[in-house]
């Protein structure tokens, strides 16, 4: 609110709105991004709106700014189907359909340093290709109200590092006197989407939790000889509700059932008793994923999980596995012990890690239900409100378009990478008609993440 009040004061001063840097870079943006009439351009931090008004001659423009009084009267009068305005704080996730292009000028230098990565990520999630013009010098207008306006004054090299840290592809960039320009995408390799959509617990908290769990003295997952037995994975996607009877039959036939997170409770409620439950998320409220405890079930629990979850489980039924190595090594050092560590890599979600985990345990044949990675009426086959999100956008895959939350897109992208590494090691039957199954059946790529298809 302090920052918002600052700029509400600034926009009330005619001298401040006389110069709108964004309008001076419109021509360069047009030459760089080549907008089409069918495109939507999001102007992130539109200010007076004069740049957006010009851009609206080329495409639809959605203006965002966190003050309500920034627009010029002439721009406000021009609002309509092709030019819209929303008051929005860029430190918050940006709702709505993903745009093809984004325009961001005279904004990033105004962001407090601690919020820069968050704002960049929100912007790069909301538009496939984004043009940035960033000032690299102190402001000279804040003195009008006795305030500093440019809070992050950094050179070209520093801003380039921020984009690289987010895993962006920098299509082109240039350094000028007093500013730098970048044209980037966060959707070529999916890392921005992954970093912004995944729910993480701080590393130091996870190390503490690993220490507590290692003190219990549980068995730990390690490599085993190859098994010839097939496993059934029940993920949480909405298509699982189409396969209840088939899963019940497979259970009667003696095929082991492996569940993940909330699919455990879904299976129990549908009369399908899990043989193995896998949990990776480190947050405390996920203790519900092991209620009720089944005497015949094995619990494969990531060592980073909250100790309250782990302590609920019978020792003889519980096996720890390590999601990565760095935090486990820190925990082991804190305990002052030497031990072998068998880390499990493979992606941001428990389903992606599952393939690597069970390969290590000797299994290579998987029938997978509910691994949809797209929205089919809902994001899960059961209520899971922590995965609710206003961010829904279209993902093209071959001849179809799927509705996805950001984490679904990241999961699908990472699955493609994982499949390249393990395809010769596993037999995988992905059931249903979701995004993952469509990719496998058709060999189609995700066009949003395919650099050759989407480079402008």
Protein backbone atom coordinates (compact mmCIF):
# COMPACT_ATOMS: atom_id res chain seq x y z
CA UNK A 1 0.00 0.00 0.00
CA UNK A 2 2.91 2.37 0.65
CA UNK A 3 4.18 1.91 -2.92
CA UNK A 4 0.68 2.23 -4.34
CA UNK A 5 0.07 5.47 -2.42
CA UNK A 6 3.39 6.81 -3.67
CA UNK A 7 2.36 6.40 -7.29
CA UNK A 8 -1.16 7.65 -6.75
CA UNK A 9 0.51 10.88 -5.63
CA UNK A 10 2.87 10.88 -8.61
CA UNK A 11 0.10 10.39 -11.17
CA UNK A 12 -1.76 13.37 -9.69
CA UNK A 13 1.18 15.59 -10.74
CA UNK A 14 0.84 16.70 -14.42
CA UNK A 15 4.61 16.99 -14.80
CA UNK A 16 5.04 13.26 -14.06
CA UNK A 17 2.66 12.10 -16.77
CA UNK A 18 4.10 14.46 -19.41
CA UNK A 19 6.73 11.84 -20.19
CA UNK A 20 5.65 8.23 -20.69
CA UNK A 21 8.75 6.17 -21.61
CA UNK A 22 6.61 3.30 -22.86
CA UNK A 23 5.31 5.20 -25.87
CA UNK A 24 8.85 5.81 -27.16
CA UNK A 25 9.55 2.08 -27.49
CA UNK A 26 6.37 1.05 -29.30
CA UNK A 27 7.99 1.08 -32.74
CA UNK A 28 10.87 -1.10 -31.55
CA UNK A 29 8.44 -3.49 -29.92
CA UNK A 30 6.41 -3.76 -33.14
CA UNK A 31 9.54 -4.55 -35.17
CA UNK A 32 10.73 -7.04 -32.56
CA UNK A 33 7.52 -8.87 -31.64
CA UNK A 34 5.52 -8.45 -34.88
CA UNK A 35 2.07 -8.58 -33.26
CA UNK A 36 -0.85 -9.96 -35.26
CA UNK A 37 -4.47 -8.74 -35.15
CA UNK A 38 -5.43 -12.03 -33.47
CA UNK A 39 -2.89 -11.53 -30.65
CA UNK A 40 -3.45 -10.18 -27.17
CA UNK A 41 -0.73 -7.96 -25.72
CA UNK A 42 -0.55 -7.46 -21.96
CA UNK A 43 0.90 -4.09 -21.00
CA UNK A 44 2.38 -4.82 -17.56
CA UNK A 45 2.45 -1.49 -15.70
CA UNK A 46 0.75 0.57 -18.39
CA UNK A 47 1.06 3.96 -16.67
CA UNK A 48 -0.64 6.65 -18.79
CA UNK A 49 -1.76 4.01 -21.30
CA UNK A 50 -0.54 6.03 -24.28
CA UNK A 51 1.70 3.19 -25.46
CA UNK A 52 -1.17 0.71 -25.10
CA UNK A 53 -3.48 2.99 -27.06
CA UNK A 54 -1.04 2.91 -29.99
CA UNK A 55 -0.57 -0.85 -29.66
CA UNK A 56 -4.34 -1.38 -29.78
CA UNK A 57 -4.18 -0.51 -33.49
CA UNK A 58 -2.20 -3.72 -34.01
CA UNK A 59 -3.80 -6.19 -31.55
CA UNK A 60 -6.00 -6.42 -28.49
CA UNK A 61 -4.31 -4.86 -25.47
CA UNK A 62 -4.93 -5.68 -21.82
CA UNK A 63 -3.54 -2.94 -19.57
CA UNK A 64 -2.49 -3.64 -15.97
CA UNK A 65 -1.40 -1.12 -13.37
CA UNK A 66 -1.58 -1.08 -9.59
CA UNK A 67 -2.95 2.46 -9.42
CA UNK A 68 -6.41 3.41 -10.60
CA UNK A 69 -5.51 6.99 -11.57
CA UNK A 70 -2.60 6.41 -13.94
CA UNK A 71 -4.51 6.45 -17.24
CA UNK A 72 -4.77 9.59 -19.33
CA UNK A 73 -8.34 10.76 -19.85
CA UNK A 74 -8.02 10.18 -23.60
CA UNK A 75 -6.99 6.58 -23.00
CA UNK A 76 -9.81 5.98 -20.54
CA UNK A 77 -12.28 7.29 -23.11
CA UNK A 78 -10.91 4.81 -25.66
CA UNK A 79 -11.48 1.73 -23.47
CA UNK A 80 -13.48 -1.00 -25.19
CA UNK A 81 -13.20 -4.47 -26.65
CA UNK A 82 -9.72 -3.87 -28.07
CA UNK A 83 -8.33 -1.94 -25.10
CA UNK A 84 -9.08 -2.91 -21.50
CA UNK A 85 -7.74 -1.88 -18.10
CA UNK A 86 -7.44 -3.75 -14.78
CA UNK A 87 -5.97 -2.56 -11.51
CA UNK A 88 -3.50 -5.28 -10.52
CA UNK A 89 -0.42 -5.69 -8.32
CA UNK A 90 2.32 -7.47 -10.32
CA UNK A 91 3.63 -9.17 -7.19
CA UNK A 92 0.44 -11.26 -7.36
CA UNK A 93 -0.31 -14.03 -9.87
CA UNK A 94 -1.99 -12.63 -12.98
CA UNK A 95 -5.33 -14.34 -13.69
CA UNK A 96 -6.77 -15.00 -17.12
CA UNK A 97 -5.78 -16.65 -20.36
CA UNK A 98 -2.13 -16.54 -21.31
CA UNK A 99 -1.31 -13.87 -23.91
CA UNK A 100 1.08 -14.33 -26.78
CA UNK A 101 2.89 -11.03 -26.17
CA UNK A 102 3.78 -8.84 -23.22
CA UNK A 103 5.03 -5.26 -23.04
CA UNK A 104 6.89 -4.01 -19.96
CA UNK A 105 8.60 -0.64 -20.00
CA UNK A 106 9.64 1.69 -17.18
CA UNK A 107 8.41 -0.79 -14.56
CA UNK A 108 11.05 -3.24 -13.32
CA UNK A 109 13.36 -0.54 -11.95
CA UNK A 110 10.45 0.57 -9.72
CA UNK A 111 10.13 -2.88 -8.11
CA UNK A 112 11.77 -3.42 -4.68
CA UNK A 113 14.77 -5.76 -5.07
CA UNK A 114 13.20 -8.49 -2.93
CA UNK A 115 10.19 -8.64 -5.28
CA UNK A 116 12.01 -8.59 -8.63
CA UNK A 117 12.10 -12.35 -9.21
CA UNK A 118 8.46 -12.76 -8.19
CA UNK A 119 7.29 -10.00 -10.53
CA UNK A 120 9.39 -11.27 -13.43
CA UNK A 121 7.99 -14.76 -12.94
CA UNK A 122 4.38 -13.55 -12.81
CA UNK A 123 4.89 -11.57 -16.00
CA UNK A 124 6.62 -14.43 -17.81
CA UNK A 125 3.83 -16.81 -16.85
CA UNK A 126 1.16 -14.48 -18.18
CA UNK A 127 2.61 -13.96 -21.67
CA UNK A 128 4.63 -16.23 -23.95
CA UNK A 129 7.00 -13.54 -25.27
CA UNK A 130 7.73 -10.38 -23.33
CA UNK A 131 9.50 -7.17 -24.30
CA UNK A 132 11.25 -5.42 -21.40
CA UNK A 133 12.76 -1.94 -21.35
CA UNK A 134 14.44 -1.34 -17.99
CA UNK A 135 16.10 1.83 -16.73
CA UNK A 136 19.62 1.39 -15.34
CA UNK A 137 19.94 4.85 -13.76
CA UNK A 138 18.34 6.60 -10.75
CA UNK A 139 15.09 8.50 -11.27
CA UNK A 140 14.80 12.29 -11.22
CA UNK A 141 11.06 12.63 -10.58
CA UNK A 142 10.61 11.15 -7.11
CA UNK A 143 11.94 14.38 -5.63
CA UNK A 144 8.58 15.94 -6.47
CA UNK A 145 7.12 14.08 -3.48
CA UNK A 146 10.37 13.46 -1.60
CA UNK A 147 10.55 9.78 -2.56
CA UNK A 148 12.88 7.45 -4.44
CA UNK A 149 11.11 5.84 -7.40
CA UNK A 150 13.79 3.62 -8.93
CA UNK A 151 14.34 1.05 -6.19
CA UNK A 152 16.30 -1.48 -8.26
CA UNK A 153 19.02 0.31 -10.22
CA UNK A 154 21.20 -2.36 -11.80
CA UNK A 155 23.23 -2.73 -15.01
CA UNK A 156 22.37 -4.84 -18.07
CA UNK A 157 24.48 -7.77 -16.81
CA UNK A 158 22.49 -7.97 -13.57
CA UNK A 159 19.15 -8.09 -15.37
CA UNK A 160 20.47 -10.69 -17.80
CA UNK A 161 21.40 -12.83 -14.82
CA UNK A 162 17.83 -12.58 -13.45
CA UNK A 163 16.39 -13.89 -16.71
CA UNK A 164 18.99 -16.65 -16.89
CA UNK A 165 18.28 -17.68 -13.30
CA UNK A 166 14.62 -18.13 -14.22
CA UNK A 167 15.62 -20.36 -17.11
CA UNK A 168 14.31 -17.97 -19.77
CA UNK A 169 15.40 -17.98 -23.38
CA UNK A 170 16.65 -14.48 -24.21
CA UNK A 171 15.71 -14.08 -27.85
CA UNK A 172 17.53 -10.78 -28.16
CA UNK A 173 18.82 -8.06 -25.87
CA UNK A 174 20.75 -4.83 -26.03
CA UNK A 175 22.42 -2.33 -23.71
CA UNK A 176 21.95 1.41 -24.12
CA UNK A 177 22.85 4.56 -22.25
CA UNK A 178 20.52 4.62 -19.27
CA UNK A 179 18.52 1.48 -20.12
CA UNK A 180 18.59 -2.09 -21.38
CA UNK A 181 16.17 -4.03 -23.58
CA UNK A 182 15.27 -7.73 -23.47
CA UNK A 183 12.90 -9.85 -25.53
CA UNK A 184 12.47 -13.16 -23.72
CA UNK A 185 10.29 -16.22 -23.31
CA UNK A 186 9.80 -18.42 -20.28
CA UNK A 187 7.88 -21.05 -22.25
CA UNK A 188 10.61 -22.67 -24.30
CA UNK A 189 11.86 -24.95 -21.54
CA UNK A 190 9.07 -24.60 -18.99
CA UNK A 191 11.35 -23.65 -16.10
CA UNK A 192 9.58 -20.38 -15.28
CA UNK A 193 6.27 -22.20 -15.16
CA UNK A 194 7.77 -24.88 -12.97
CA UNK A 195 9.43 -22.47 -10.55
CA UNK A 196 6.31 -20.37 -10.16
CA UNK A 197 3.72 -23.06 -9.91
CA UNK A 198 5.45 -25.63 -7.74
CA UNK A 199 4.80 -25.45 -4.01
CA UNK A 200 8.09 -25.48 -2.17
CA UNK A 201 9.11 -25.51 1.44
CA UNK A 202 12.20 -23.49 2.32
CA UNK A 203 15.40 -25.55 2.19
CA UNK A 204 16.33 -24.95 5.81
CA UNK A 205 12.89 -26.18 6.92
CA UNK A 206 13.25 -29.31 4.79
CA UNK A 207 16.70 -30.01 6.22
CA UNK A 208 15.23 -29.80 9.74
CA UNK A 209 12.48 -32.20 8.76
CA UNK A 210 14.91 -34.64 7.16
CA UNK A 211 17.04 -34.59 10.34
CA UNK A 212 14.00 -35.43 12.47
CA UNK A 213 12.92 -38.24 10.16
CA UNK A 214 16.39 -39.78 9.92
CA UNK A 215 16.54 -39.92 13.72
CA UNK A 216 13.59 -42.32 13.74
CA UNK A 217 15.74 -45.07 12.19
CA UNK A 218 13.40 -46.18 9.38
CA UNK A 219 14.37 -48.36 6.45
CA UNK A 220 15.44 -46.36 3.40
CA UNK A 221 14.85 -47.04 -0.29
CA UNK A 222 17.86 -48.40 -2.15
CA UNK A 223 18.49 -50.20 -5.45
CA UNK A 224 16.97 -53.69 -5.79
CA UNK A 225 17.21 -56.40 -8.41
CA UNK A 226 14.83 -56.22 -11.37
CA UNK A 227 11.26 -57.38 -10.75
CA UNK A 228 8.99 -58.77 -13.48
CA UNK A 229 5.78 -57.72 -11.75
CA UNK A 230 3.54 -54.99 -13.17
CA UNK A 231 2.39 -52.16 -10.92
CA UNK A 232 -0.72 -49.99 -11.19
CA UNK A 233 -0.18 -46.30 -10.47
CA UNK A 234 -3.26 -44.27 -9.51
CA UNK A 235 -2.49 -40.59 -9.98
CA UNK A 236 -4.99 -37.91 -9.02
CA UNK A 237 -6.23 -36.72 -12.42
CA UNK A 238 -9.97 -36.49 -13.12
CA UNK A 239 -9.99 -39.47 -15.52
CA UNK A 240 -9.62 -41.93 -12.62
CA UNK A 241 -13.37 -41.74 -12.09
CA UNK A 242 -13.84 -43.47 -15.45
CA UNK A 243 -11.85 -46.52 -14.34
CA UNK A 244 -13.24 -47.48 -10.93
CA UNK A 245 -14.54 -50.90 -12.03
CA UNK A 246 -11.40 -51.69 -14.03
CA UNK A 247 -9.21 -50.84 -11.06
CA UNK A 248 -11.34 -52.99 -8.75
CA UNK A 249 -10.96 -55.91 -11.15
CA UNK A 250 -7.19 -55.46 -11.35
CA UNK A 251 -7.03 -55.38 -7.57
CA UNK A 252 -8.90 -58.70 -7.43
CA UNK A 253 -6.42 -60.09 -9.97
CA UNK A 254 -3.62 -59.34 -7.52
CA UNK A 255 -1.91 -56.48 -9.36
CA UNK A 256 -0.32 -54.18 -6.73
CA UNK A 257 -1.96 -50.77 -6.43
CA UNK A 258 0.26 -47.74 -5.83
CA UNK A 259 -1.39 -44.46 -4.87
CA UNK A 260 -0.02 -40.94 -4.52
CA UNK A 261 -1.12 -38.16 -2.18
CA UNK A 262 -4.91 -37.75 -2.32
CA UNK A 263 -5.52 -40.70 -4.65
CA UNK A 264 -4.94 -42.85 -1.53
CA UNK A 265 -8.18 -41.64 0.06
CA UNK A 266 -9.99 -41.72 -3.28
CA UNK A 267 -9.02 -45.38 -3.76
CA UNK A 268 -10.14 -46.34 -0.25
CA UNK A 269 -13.48 -44.56 -0.70
CA UNK A 270 -14.02 -46.47 -3.96
CA UNK A 271 -13.25 -49.88 -2.44
CA UNK A 272 -9.74 -50.18 -3.90
CA UNK A 273 -7.30 -50.86 -1.08
CA UNK A 274 -3.81 -49.45 -1.85
CA UNK A 275 -0.77 -51.68 -1.46
CA UNK A 276 1.68 -48.76 -1.50
CA UNK A 277 1.18 -45.05 -0.75
CA UNK A 278 3.78 -42.49 -1.89
CA UNK A 279 4.08 -38.95 -0.50
CA UNK A 280 6.69 -36.30 -1.35
CA UNK A 281 5.26 -32.91 -0.32
CA UNK A 282 6.91 -31.44 2.78
CA UNK A 283 3.97 -29.45 4.14
CA UNK A 284 2.40 -30.44 7.46
CA UNK A 285 -1.23 -30.57 6.30
CA UNK A 286 -0.38 -33.48 3.98
CA UNK A 287 -0.52 -35.79 7.00
CA UNK A 288 -4.09 -36.41 5.81
CA UNK A 289 -2.65 -38.42 2.92
CA UNK A 290 -1.99 -41.37 5.26
CA UNK A 291 -5.36 -41.40 7.03
CA UNK A 292 -6.58 -44.01 7.66
CA UNK A 293 -3.55 -46.27 8.06
CA UNK A 294 -3.99 -49.66 6.37
CA UNK A 295 -2.16 -52.58 8.08
CA UNK A 296 -1.28 -54.23 4.75
CA UNK A 297 -0.04 -51.05 3.04
CA UNK A 298 3.56 -49.94 2.65
CA UNK A 299 4.26 -46.22 2.93
CA UNK A 300 7.03 -44.79 0.76
CA UNK A 301 7.58 -41.37 2.30
CA UNK A 302 10.09 -38.76 1.12
CA UNK A 303 12.55 -37.93 3.88
CA UNK A 304 11.64 -34.24 3.54
CA UNK A 305 8.00 -34.86 4.56
CA UNK A 306 6.75 -33.32 7.76
CA UNK A 307 7.74 -35.39 10.84
CA UNK A 308 4.14 -35.36 12.09
CA UNK A 309 3.16 -37.38 9.03
CA UNK A 310 6.07 -39.80 9.43
CA UNK A 311 5.53 -40.33 13.16
CA UNK A 312 1.93 -41.42 12.54
CA UNK A 313 3.07 -44.44 10.52
CA UNK A 314 4.08 -47.88 11.83
CA UNK A 315 7.86 -48.24 11.49
CA UNK A 316 7.61 -51.68 9.94
CA UNK A 317 5.37 -50.34 7.16
CA UNK A 318 7.36 -47.22 6.36
CA UNK A 319 10.29 -46.69 4.00
CA UNK A 320 12.00 -43.33 3.51
CA UNK A 321 13.23 -42.22 0.10
CA UNK A 322 15.30 -39.17 -0.70
CA UNK A 323 13.97 -36.54 -3.10
CA UNK A 324 17.30 -35.21 -4.30
CA UNK A 325 20.65 -35.18 -2.51
CA UNK A 326 21.67 -31.69 -1.34
CA UNK A 327 19.30 -31.30 1.62
CA UNK A 328 19.85 -34.91 2.67
CA UNK A 329 23.62 -34.38 2.70
CA UNK A 330 23.15 -31.29 4.87
CA UNK A 331 20.97 -33.28 7.26
CA UNK A 332 23.48 -36.12 7.43
CA UNK A 333 26.26 -33.65 8.23
CA UNK A 334 24.16 -32.17 11.03
CA UNK A 335 23.70 -35.65 12.47
CA UNK A 336 27.43 -36.32 12.18
CA UNK A 337 26.98 -39.70 10.53
CA UNK A 338 28.26 -41.38 7.38
CA UNK A 339 25.82 -43.27 5.20
CA UNK A 340 25.02 -44.14 1.62
CA UNK A 341 22.41 -41.92 -0.01
CA UNK A 342 20.32 -43.00 -2.99
CA UNK A 343 18.64 -39.83 -4.26
CA UNK A 344 15.60 -39.99 -6.54
CA UNK A 345 15.43 -37.41 -9.31
CA UNK A 346 12.89 -36.94 -12.04
CA UNK A 347 10.76 -33.80 -11.77
CA UNK A 348 8.70 -31.43 -9.67
CA UNK A 349 5.73 -33.71 -8.90
CA UNK A 350 5.46 -36.95 -6.99
CA UNK A 351 4.23 -38.71 -10.14
CA UNK A 352 7.33 -37.77 -12.08
CA UNK A 353 9.57 -38.97 -9.25
CA UNK A 354 7.59 -42.21 -9.01
CA UNK A 355 9.01 -43.65 -12.22
CA UNK A 356 12.60 -43.12 -11.07
CA UNK A 357 11.80 -44.33 -7.55
CA UNK A 358 10.25 -47.60 -8.67
CA UNK A 359 12.92 -48.16 -11.30
CA UNK A 360 15.44 -48.00 -8.46
CA UNK A 361 13.32 -50.53 -6.58
CA UNK A 362 13.48 -52.88 -9.55
CA UNK A 363 10.10 -52.28 -11.24
CA UNK A 364 9.73 -51.27 -14.87
CA UNK A 365 6.15 -52.16 -15.91
CA UNK A 366 3.53 -49.55 -15.09
CA UNK A 367 -0.15 -49.15 -15.91
CA UNK A 368 -0.88 -45.52 -15.04
CA UNK A 369 -4.34 -44.14 -14.32
CA UNK A 370 -5.22 -40.49 -13.77
CA UNK A 371 -1.95 -39.07 -15.06
CA UNK A 372 -3.78 -36.45 -17.12
CA UNK A 373 -1.86 -33.20 -16.52
CA UNK A 374 -4.85 -31.21 -17.78
CA UNK A 375 -8.23 -30.00 -16.64
CA UNK A 376 -11.26 -32.20 -17.36
CA UNK A 377 -14.08 -30.39 -15.56
CA UNK A 378 -11.62 -30.14 -12.64
CA UNK A 379 -7.89 -30.58 -11.95
CA UNK A 380 -8.26 -33.72 -9.79
CA UNK A 381 -10.65 -36.64 -9.57
CA UNK A 382 -11.52 -35.50 -6.03
CA UNK A 383 -11.47 -32.19 -4.12
CA UNK A 384 -7.93 -30.89 -3.57
CA UNK A 385 -8.32 -27.13 -2.97
CA UNK A 386 -4.61 -26.38 -2.58
CA UNK A 387 -4.29 -26.98 -6.34
CA UNK A 388 -7.06 -24.52 -7.21
CA UNK A 389 -5.69 -21.69 -9.33
CA UNK A 390 -7.08 -18.78 -11.35
CA UNK A 391 -4.32 -19.37 -13.91
CA UNK A 392 -5.77 -21.48 -16.72
CA UNK A 393 -4.49 -21.33 -20.28
CA UNK A 394 -4.63 -23.26 -23.53
CA UNK A 395 -1.89 -25.74 -24.39
CA UNK A 396 -1.66 -26.96 -27.97
CA UNK A 397 -0.56 -30.56 -28.48
CA UNK A 398 -0.77 -31.90 -32.00
CA UNK A 399 -4.33 -31.47 -33.20
CA UNK A 400 -5.83 -30.78 -29.77
CA UNK A 401 -5.95 -27.95 -27.24
CA UNK A 402 -5.92 -28.75 -23.51
CA UNK A 403 -6.80 -26.53 -20.55
CA UNK A 404 -3.94 -26.48 -18.03
CA UNK A 405 -2.82 -24.87 -14.81
CA UNK A 406 0.86 -23.81 -14.84
CA UNK A 407 1.99 -26.83 -12.78
CA UNK A 408 0.30 -29.16 -15.29
CA UNK A 409 2.21 -27.59 -18.17
CA UNK A 410 5.48 -27.95 -16.25
CA UNK A 411 4.69 -31.57 -15.42
CA UNK A 412 3.94 -32.37 -19.07
CA UNK A 413 7.15 -30.72 -20.20
CA UNK A 414 9.22 -32.53 -17.59
CA UNK A 415 7.55 -35.81 -18.49
CA UNK A 416 8.79 -35.40 -22.07
CA UNK A 417 12.33 -34.94 -20.74
CA UNK A 418 11.98 -37.89 -18.38
CA UNK A 419 10.56 -40.12 -21.11
CA UNK A 420 13.61 -39.48 -23.29
CA UNK A 421 15.82 -40.75 -20.48
CA UNK A 422 13.84 -43.80 -19.35
CA UNK A 423 11.80 -44.88 -22.39
CA UNK A 424 14.10 -47.83 -23.06
CA UNK A 425 13.96 -48.92 -19.43
CA UNK A 426 10.21 -49.01 -18.82
CA UNK A 427 6.95 -50.32 -20.23
CA UNK A 428 4.38 -47.64 -19.59
CA UNK A 429 0.65 -47.73 -20.36
CA UNK A 430 -0.91 -44.31 -19.73
CA UNK A 431 -4.68 -44.69 -19.49
CA UNK A 432 -7.30 -42.10 -20.39
CA UNK A 433 -7.52 -39.24 -22.86
CA UNK A 434 -5.55 -36.55 -21.06
CA UNK A 435 -2.58 -34.49 -22.20
CA UNK A 436 0.09 -37.05 -21.20
CA UNK A 437 -1.71 -39.92 -22.93
CA UNK A 438 -2.22 -37.81 -26.06
CA UNK A 439 1.48 -36.95 -26.21
CA UNK A 440 2.42 -40.63 -26.04
CA UNK A 441 -0.24 -41.92 -28.46
CA UNK A 442 0.40 -39.31 -31.13
CA UNK A 443 4.05 -38.42 -30.53
CA UNK A 444 2.88 -34.80 -30.45
CA UNK A 445 4.89 -32.06 -28.85
CA UNK A 446 3.73 -29.24 -26.63
CA UNK A 447 3.72 -26.33 -29.03
CA UNK A 448 3.91 -23.79 -26.20
CA UNK A 449 7.26 -25.22 -25.20
CA UNK A 450 8.62 -25.96 -28.66
CA UNK A 451 11.10 -23.25 -29.58
CA UNK A 452 11.03 -24.00 -33.31
CA UNK A 453 7.24 -23.76 -33.51
CA UNK A 454 6.76 -20.64 -31.45
CA UNK A 455 9.75 -18.40 -32.05
CA UNK A 456 8.51 -15.08 -33.39
